[in-house]
């Protein structure tokens, strides 16, 4: 159920299967993308049931989670509200990474900044959050989420297009459509407003990027 609420435009791209553009696109996840969820769900429900990330991936690969800037240990107790910012990361290096790791042995050192679970459970309703993915999580899950579609700003998409042009990567875009109309990749930047709310979906030769 990933979507953008009444976007200004919908952009769909088909890339070469081994396109280097996917590495540029990973950057939008570090900045944050908009996804639609059922607000009031637990973090686990959002990640597994609504974003479609495998439960064993959440348990074993996602080592650090932040909800609204605060580290989280219990993904079942914490609820995600409309407008929240949810960040997922693989293991981070050093003592800081060990301290921030969910359920880690150093979690007690950050009790003052950890998010508690004593808030009342809200009713479930449609909402949107900002999702951020870092390091290996962005590399491994970003392409999957892109096939379902994400909401980003026109400015962020234009940054990707400019970088692709500067690195001579536009030829790796096999097809691009804006609101159902096909355009040459070189013309895409002219069709996007920096202030637009964009719903972007990416495919690689009609197959999800892996």
C-alpha atoms as a PDB file:
ATOM      1  CA  UNK A   1       0.000   0.000   0.000  1.00  0.00           C
ATOM      2  CA  UNK A   2       2.761   2.366  -0.949  1.00  0.00           C
ATOM      3  CA  UNK A   3       1.443   5.431  -2.737  1.00  0.00           C
ATOM      4  CA  UNK A   4       1.526   9.184  -2.890  1.00  0.00           C
ATOM      5  CA  UNK A   5      -1.590  11.109  -1.979  1.00  0.00           C
ATOM      6  CA  UNK A   6      -2.814  13.104  -5.024  1.00  0.00           C
ATOM      7  CA  UNK A   7       0.648  13.625  -6.558  1.00  0.00           C
ATOM      8  CA  UNK A   8       1.187  16.409  -9.057  1.00  0.00           C
ATOM      9  CA  UNK A   9       2.657  13.897 -11.496  1.00  0.00           C
ATOM     10  CA  UNK A  10       3.408  10.213 -11.864  1.00  0.00           C
ATOM     11  CA  UNK A  11       6.742   9.183 -13.312  1.00  0.00           C
ATOM     12  CA  UNK A  12       7.531   5.639 -14.416  1.00  0.00           C
ATOM     13  CA  UNK A  13      10.941   4.583 -15.680  1.00  0.00           C
ATOM     14  CA  UNK A  14      12.270   1.376 -17.139  1.00  0.00           C
ATOM     15  CA  UNK A  15      16.034   1.017 -16.774  1.00  0.00           C
ATOM     16  CA  UNK A  16      18.623  -1.354 -18.116  1.00  0.00           C
ATOM     17  CA  UNK A  17      18.817  -4.281 -15.736  1.00  0.00           C
ATOM     18  CA  UNK A  18      22.363  -3.410 -14.646  1.00  0.00           C
ATOM     19  CA  UNK A  19      21.836   0.357 -14.715  1.00  0.00           C
ATOM     20  CA  UNK A  20      24.119   2.382 -12.466  1.00  0.00           C
ATOM     21  CA  UNK A  21      21.226   4.788 -11.976  1.00  0.00           C
ATOM     22  CA  UNK A  22      19.955   2.659  -9.137  1.00  0.00           C
ATOM     23  CA  UNK A  23      22.911   3.799  -7.009  1.00  0.00           C
ATOM     24  CA  UNK A  24      21.883   7.419  -7.580  1.00  0.00           C
ATOM     25  CA  UNK A  25      18.318   6.550  -6.668  1.00  0.00           C
ATOM     26  CA  UNK A  26      19.468   5.063  -3.349  1.00  0.00           C
ATOM     27  CA  UNK A  27      20.248   8.620  -2.307  1.00  0.00           C
ATOM     28  CA  UNK A  28      16.569   9.599  -2.222  1.00  0.00           C
ATOM     29  CA  UNK A  29      16.012   7.046   0.537  1.00  0.00           C
ATOM     30  CA  UNK A  30      18.657   8.656   2.727  1.00  0.00           C
ATOM     31  CA  UNK A  31      16.847  11.973   2.335  1.00  0.00           C
ATOM     32  CA  UNK A  32      13.456  10.382   2.934  1.00  0.00           C
ATOM     33  CA  UNK A  33      10.563   9.285   0.734  1.00  0.00           C
ATOM     34  CA  UNK A  34       6.820   9.428   1.329  1.00  0.00           C
ATOM     35  CA  UNK A  35       4.890   6.188   1.746  1.00  0.00           C
ATOM     36  CA  UNK A  36       1.292   5.553   2.686  1.00  0.00           C
ATOM     37  CA  UNK A  37       0.583   3.391   5.732  1.00  0.00           C
ATOM     38  CA  UNK A  38      -2.149   2.557   8.195  1.00  0.00           C
ATOM     39  CA  UNK A  39      -1.327   5.042  10.930  1.00  0.00           C
ATOM     40  CA  UNK A  40      -1.587   3.515  14.387  1.00  0.00           C
ATOM     41  CA  UNK A  41       0.048   0.251  13.279  1.00  0.00           C
ATOM     42  CA  UNK A  42       3.094  -1.095  15.070  1.00  0.00           C
ATOM     43  CA  UNK A  43       6.504  -0.603  13.491  1.00  0.00           C
ATOM     44  CA  UNK A  44       6.616  -4.316  12.674  1.00  0.00           C
ATOM     45  CA  UNK A  45       3.223  -4.133  10.940  1.00  0.00           C
ATOM     46  CA  UNK A  46       4.331  -1.124   8.900  1.00  0.00           C
ATOM     47  CA  UNK A  47       7.633  -2.692   7.830  1.00  0.00           C
ATOM     48  CA  UNK A  48       6.486  -6.258   7.227  1.00  0.00           C
ATOM     49  CA  UNK A  49       2.791  -6.126   6.355  1.00  0.00           C
ATOM     50  CA  UNK A  50       2.573  -2.742   4.646  1.00  0.00           C
ATOM     51  CA  UNK A  51       6.009  -2.151   3.114  1.00  0.00           C
ATOM     52  CA  UNK A  52       6.469  -5.829   2.290  1.00  0.00           C
ATOM     53  CA  UNK A  53       9.916  -6.260   3.854  1.00  0.00           C
ATOM     54  CA  UNK A  54      10.488  -9.826   5.020  1.00  0.00           C
ATOM     55  CA  UNK A  55      10.200 -10.422   8.752  1.00  0.00           C
ATOM     56  CA  UNK A  56      13.532 -12.236   8.962  1.00  0.00           C
ATOM     57  CA  UNK A  57      15.133  -9.252   7.230  1.00  0.00           C
ATOM     58  CA  UNK A  58      13.706  -6.958   9.900  1.00  0.00           C
ATOM     59  CA  UNK A  59      14.942  -9.245  12.651  1.00  0.00           C
ATOM     60  CA  UNK A  60      18.414  -9.941  11.300  1.00  0.00           C
ATOM     61  CA  UNK A  61      19.433  -7.192   8.886  1.00  0.00           C
ATOM     62  CA  UNK A  62      17.754  -4.085  10.278  1.00  0.00           C
ATOM     63  CA  UNK A  63      19.785  -3.449  13.418  1.00  0.00           C
ATOM     64  CA  UNK A  64      18.925   0.184  14.136  1.00  0.00           C
ATOM     65  CA  UNK A  65      15.549   1.916  13.945  1.00  0.00           C
ATOM     66  CA  UNK A  66      14.600   5.505  14.668  1.00  0.00           C
ATOM     67  CA  UNK A  67      11.070   6.816  15.022  1.00  0.00           C
ATOM     68  CA  UNK A  68      10.927  10.597  14.937  1.00  0.00           C
ATOM     69  CA  UNK A  69      14.620  10.787  15.677  1.00  0.00           C
ATOM     70  CA  UNK A  70      14.634   8.468  18.703  1.00  0.00           C
ATOM     71  CA  UNK A  71      16.022   4.914  18.760  1.00  0.00           C
ATOM     72  CA  UNK A  72      13.539   2.061  19.121  1.00  0.00           C
ATOM     73  CA  UNK A  73      14.016  -1.346  20.717  1.00  0.00           C
ATOM     74  CA  UNK A  74      10.526  -2.893  20.622  1.00  0.00           C
ATOM     75  CA  UNK A  75       9.084  -2.876  17.096  1.00  0.00           C
ATOM     76  CA  UNK A  76       5.826  -4.399  18.357  1.00  0.00           C
ATOM     77  CA  UNK A  77       5.103  -1.918  21.136  1.00  0.00           C
ATOM     78  CA  UNK A  78       5.820   1.284  19.221  1.00  0.00           C
ATOM     79  CA  UNK A  79       3.051   2.699  17.023  1.00  0.00           C
ATOM     80  CA  UNK A  80       3.592   4.799  13.918  1.00  0.00           C
ATOM     81  CA  UNK A  81       1.484   7.949  13.619  1.00  0.00           C
ATOM     82  CA  UNK A  82       0.555   9.952  10.555  1.00  0.00           C
ATOM     83  CA  UNK A  83       3.422  12.278   9.664  1.00  0.00           C
ATOM     84  CA  UNK A  84       6.082  10.247  11.503  1.00  0.00           C
ATOM     85  CA  UNK A  85       9.650   9.797  10.296  1.00  0.00           C
ATOM     86  CA  UNK A  86      10.811   6.167  10.336  1.00  0.00           C
ATOM     87  CA  UNK A  87      14.480   5.379   9.663  1.00  0.00           C
ATOM     88  CA  UNK A  88      15.991   1.921   9.156  1.00  0.00           C
ATOM     89  CA  UNK A  89      19.655   1.003   9.100  1.00  0.00           C
ATOM     90  CA  UNK A  90      21.856  -2.061   9.095  1.00  0.00           C
ATOM     91  CA  UNK A  91      24.490  -2.388  11.804  1.00  0.00           C
ATOM     92  CA  UNK A  92      26.544   0.781  12.227  1.00  0.00           C
ATOM     93  CA  UNK A  93      30.222   0.657  13.249  1.00  0.00           C
ATOM     94  CA  UNK A  94      31.781   1.500  16.567  1.00  0.00           C
ATOM     95  CA  UNK A  95      30.426   2.053  20.059  1.00  0.00           C
ATOM     96  CA  UNK A  96      27.789   4.476  18.799  1.00  0.00           C
ATOM     97  CA  UNK A  97      26.427   1.822  16.469  1.00  0.00           C
ATOM     98  CA  UNK A  98      26.422  -0.781  19.236  1.00  0.00           C
ATOM     99  CA  UNK A  99      24.655   1.614  21.602  1.00  0.00           C
ATOM    100  CA  UNK A 100      21.922   2.460  19.105  1.00  0.00           C
ATOM    101  CA  UNK A 101      21.330  -1.144  18.024  1.00  0.00           C
ATOM    102  CA  UNK A 102      17.836  -2.367  18.814  1.00  0.00           C
ATOM    103  CA  UNK A 103      17.758  -4.624  21.861  1.00  0.00           C
ATOM    104  CA  UNK A 104      21.550  -4.516  22.148  1.00  0.00           C
ATOM    105  CA  UNK A 105      23.475  -4.966  25.375  1.00  0.00           C
ATOM    106  CA  UNK A 106      24.305  -1.240  25.424  1.00  0.00           C
ATOM    107  CA  UNK A 107      20.683  -0.113  25.055  1.00  0.00           C
ATOM    108  CA  UNK A 108      20.582   0.822  28.745  1.00  0.00           C
ATOM    109  CA  UNK A 109      23.072   3.633  28.077  1.00  0.00           C
ATOM    110  CA  UNK A 110      20.502   5.511  25.972  1.00  0.00           C
ATOM    111  CA  UNK A 111      17.377   5.185  28.094  1.00  0.00           C
ATOM    112  CA  UNK A 112      16.993   8.967  28.199  1.00  0.00           C
ATOM    113  CA  UNK A 113      16.712   9.225  24.417  1.00  0.00           C
ATOM    114  CA  UNK A 114      14.970   5.949  23.581  1.00  0.00           C
ATOM    115  CA  UNK A 115      11.336   6.071  22.567  1.00  0.00           C
ATOM    116  CA  UNK A 116       9.029   4.683  25.228  1.00  0.00           C
ATOM    117  CA  UNK A 117       5.910   2.595  24.666  1.00  0.00           C
ATOM    118  CA  UNK A 118       3.487   4.062  27.192  1.00  0.00           C
ATOM    119  CA  UNK A 119       1.396   6.036  24.696  1.00  0.00           C
ATOM    120  CA  UNK A 120      -2.233   4.999  24.104  1.00  0.00           C
ATOM    121  CA  UNK A 121      -2.893   2.867  21.025  1.00  0.00           C
ATOM    122  CA  UNK A 122      -4.446   5.085  18.333  1.00  0.00           C
ATOM    123  CA  UNK A 123      -7.185   4.033  15.937  1.00  0.00           C
ATOM    124  CA  UNK A 124      -6.017   2.732  12.588  1.00  0.00           C
ATOM    125  CA  UNK A 125      -6.460   5.139   9.692  1.00  0.00           C
ATOM    126  CA  UNK A 126      -4.774   6.026   6.440  1.00  0.00           C
ATOM    127  CA  UNK A 127      -1.731   8.191   6.826  1.00  0.00           C
ATOM    128  CA  UNK A 128       1.653   8.989   5.337  1.00  0.00           C
ATOM    129  CA  UNK A 129       5.136   8.865   6.782  1.00  0.00           C
ATOM    130  CA  UNK A 130       8.636   9.795   5.731  1.00  0.00           C
ATOM    131  CA  UNK A 131      10.701   6.614   5.326  1.00  0.00           C
ATOM    132  CA  UNK A 132      14.499   6.790   5.416  1.00  0.00           C
ATOM    133  CA  UNK A 133      16.798   3.898   4.532  1.00  0.00           C
ATOM    134  CA  UNK A 134      20.546   3.849   5.122  1.00  0.00           C
ATOM    135  CA  UNK A 135      23.605   1.816   4.055  1.00  0.00           C
ATOM    136  CA  UNK A 136      22.875  -1.781   3.051  1.00  0.00           C
ATOM    137  CA  UNK A 137      19.166  -1.429   3.788  1.00  0.00           C
ATOM    138  CA  UNK A 138      18.880   1.281   1.121  1.00  0.00           C
ATOM    139  CA  UNK A 139      20.856  -0.839  -1.344  1.00  0.00           C
ATOM    140  CA  UNK A 140      18.855  -4.011  -0.718  1.00  0.00           C
ATOM    141  CA  UNK A 141      15.324  -2.729  -0.081  1.00  0.00           C
ATOM    142  CA  UNK A 142      15.295   0.546  -2.015  1.00  0.00           C
ATOM    143  CA  UNK A 143      14.957  -1.100  -5.456  1.00  0.00           C
ATOM    144  CA  UNK A 144      12.082  -3.268  -4.230  1.00  0.00           C
ATOM    145  CA  UNK A 145      10.203  -0.263  -2.857  1.00  0.00           C
ATOM    146  CA  UNK A 146      10.839   1.639  -6.081  1.00  0.00           C
ATOM    147  CA  UNK A 147       8.979  -0.993  -8.097  1.00  0.00           C
ATOM    148  CA  UNK A 148       5.937  -0.399  -5.879  1.00  0.00           C
ATOM    149  CA  UNK A 149       6.332   3.361  -6.077  1.00  0.00           C
ATOM    150  CA  UNK A 150       7.391   6.116  -3.685  1.00  0.00           C
ATOM    151  CA  UNK A 151       6.522   9.754  -3.173  1.00  0.00           C
ATOM    152  CA  UNK A 152       9.379  12.230  -3.561  1.00  0.00           C
ATOM    153  CA  UNK A 153       9.770  15.908  -4.318  1.00  0.00           C
ATOM    154  CA  UNK A 154      10.305  17.104  -7.847  1.00  0.00           C
ATOM    155  CA  UNK A 155      13.516  18.712  -6.633  1.00  0.00           C
ATOM    156  CA  UNK A 156      14.929  15.368  -5.453  1.00  0.00           C
ATOM    157  CA  UNK A 157      14.052  13.728  -8.774  1.00  0.00           C
ATOM    158  CA  UNK A 158      15.622  16.589 -10.708  1.00  0.00           C
ATOM    159  CA  UNK A 159      18.824  16.139  -8.677  1.00  0.00           C
ATOM    160  CA  UNK A 160      18.943  12.477  -9.726  1.00  0.00           C
ATOM    161  CA  UNK A 161      18.323  13.398 -13.376  1.00  0.00           C
ATOM    162  CA  UNK A 162      21.068  16.043 -13.337  1.00  0.00           C
ATOM    163  CA  UNK A 163      23.572  13.633 -11.787  1.00  0.00           C
ATOM    164  CA  UNK A 164      22.614  10.985 -14.353  1.00  0.00           C
ATOM    165  CA  UNK A 165      23.148  13.500 -17.152  1.00  0.00           C
ATOM    166  CA  UNK A 166      26.501  14.623 -15.732  1.00  0.00           C
ATOM    167  CA  UNK A 167      27.636  10.999 -15.473  1.00  0.00           C
ATOM    168  CA  UNK A 168      26.345  10.177 -18.971  1.00  0.00           C
ATOM    169  CA  UNK A 169      23.820   7.681 -17.609  1.00  0.00           C
ATOM    170  CA  UNK A 170      20.636   8.911 -19.288  1.00  0.00           C
ATOM    171  CA  UNK A 171      21.070   6.305 -22.029  1.00  0.00           C
ATOM    172  CA  UNK A 172      20.457   3.639 -19.375  1.00  0.00           C
ATOM    173  CA  UNK A 173      16.828   4.801 -19.153  1.00  0.00           C
ATOM    174  CA  UNK A 174      15.017   2.630 -21.690  1.00  0.00           C
ATOM    175  CA  UNK A 175      11.611   4.243 -21.273  1.00  0.00           C
ATOM    176  CA  UNK A 176      10.108   7.052 -19.231  1.00  0.00           C
ATOM    177  CA  UNK A 177       6.505   8.190 -18.869  1.00  0.00           C
ATOM    178  CA  UNK A 178       5.079  11.223 -17.118  1.00  0.00           C
ATOM    179  CA  UNK A 179       1.354  10.929 -16.390  1.00  0.00           C
ATOM    180  CA  UNK A 180       1.139   8.175 -18.996  1.00  0.00           C
ATOM    181  CA  UNK A 181       2.883  10.138 -21.760  1.00  0.00           C
ATOM    182  CA  UNK A 182       6.212   8.886 -23.093  1.00  0.00           C
ATOM    183  CA  UNK A 183       9.212  11.230 -23.264  1.00  0.00           C
ATOM    184  CA  UNK A 184      12.821  10.943 -24.296  1.00  0.00           C
ATOM    185  CA  UNK A 185      15.040  10.733 -21.185  1.00  0.00           C
ATOM    186  CA  UNK A 186      16.743  13.980 -22.239  1.00  0.00           C
ATOM    187  CA  UNK A 187      13.373  15.778 -22.012  1.00  0.00           C
ATOM    188  CA  UNK A 188      12.392  14.482 -18.583  1.00  0.00           C
ATOM    189  CA  UNK A 189      13.866  17.378 -16.598  1.00  0.00           C
ATOM    190  CA  UNK A 190      11.758  19.834 -18.593  1.00  0.00           C
ATOM    191  CA  UNK A 191       8.581  17.991 -17.584  1.00  0.00           C
ATOM    192  CA  UNK A 192       9.208  18.053 -13.818  1.00  0.00           C
ATOM    193  CA  UNK A 193       8.699  21.021 -11.534  1.00  0.00           C
ATOM    194  CA  UNK A 194      11.020  21.297  -8.566  1.00  0.00           C
ATOM    195  CA  UNK A 195       8.010  22.041  -6.362  1.00  0.00           C
ATOM    196  CA  UNK A 196       5.967  19.091  -7.608  1.00  0.00           C
ATOM    197  CA  UNK A 197       4.919  16.115  -5.521  1.00  0.00           C
ATOM    198  CA  UNK A 198       6.028  13.126  -7.608  1.00  0.00           C
ATOM    199  CA  UNK A 199       4.968   9.494  -7.429  1.00  0.00           C
ATOM    200  CA  UNK A 200       7.945   7.579  -8.852  1.00  0.00           C
ATOM    201  CA  UNK A 201       8.133   3.922  -9.840  1.00  0.00           C
ATOM    202  CA  UNK A 202      11.193   2.255 -11.345  1.00  0.00           C
ATOM    203  CA  UNK A 203      11.554  -1.030 -13.214  1.00  0.00           C
ATOM    204  CA  UNK A 204      14.479  -2.765 -14.884  1.00  0.00           C
ATOM    205  CA  UNK A 205      13.588  -4.330 -18.228  1.00  0.00           C
ATOM    206  CA  UNK A 206      10.073  -5.011 -16.900  1.00  0.00           C
ATOM    207  CA  UNK A 207      11.531  -6.762 -13.857  1.00  0.00           C
ATOM    208  CA  UNK A 208      12.142  -5.398 -10.349  1.00  0.00           C
ATOM    209  CA  UNK A 209      15.692  -4.144  -9.818  1.00  0.00           C
ATOM    210  CA  UNK A 210      17.749  -6.507  -7.633  1.00  0.00           C
END
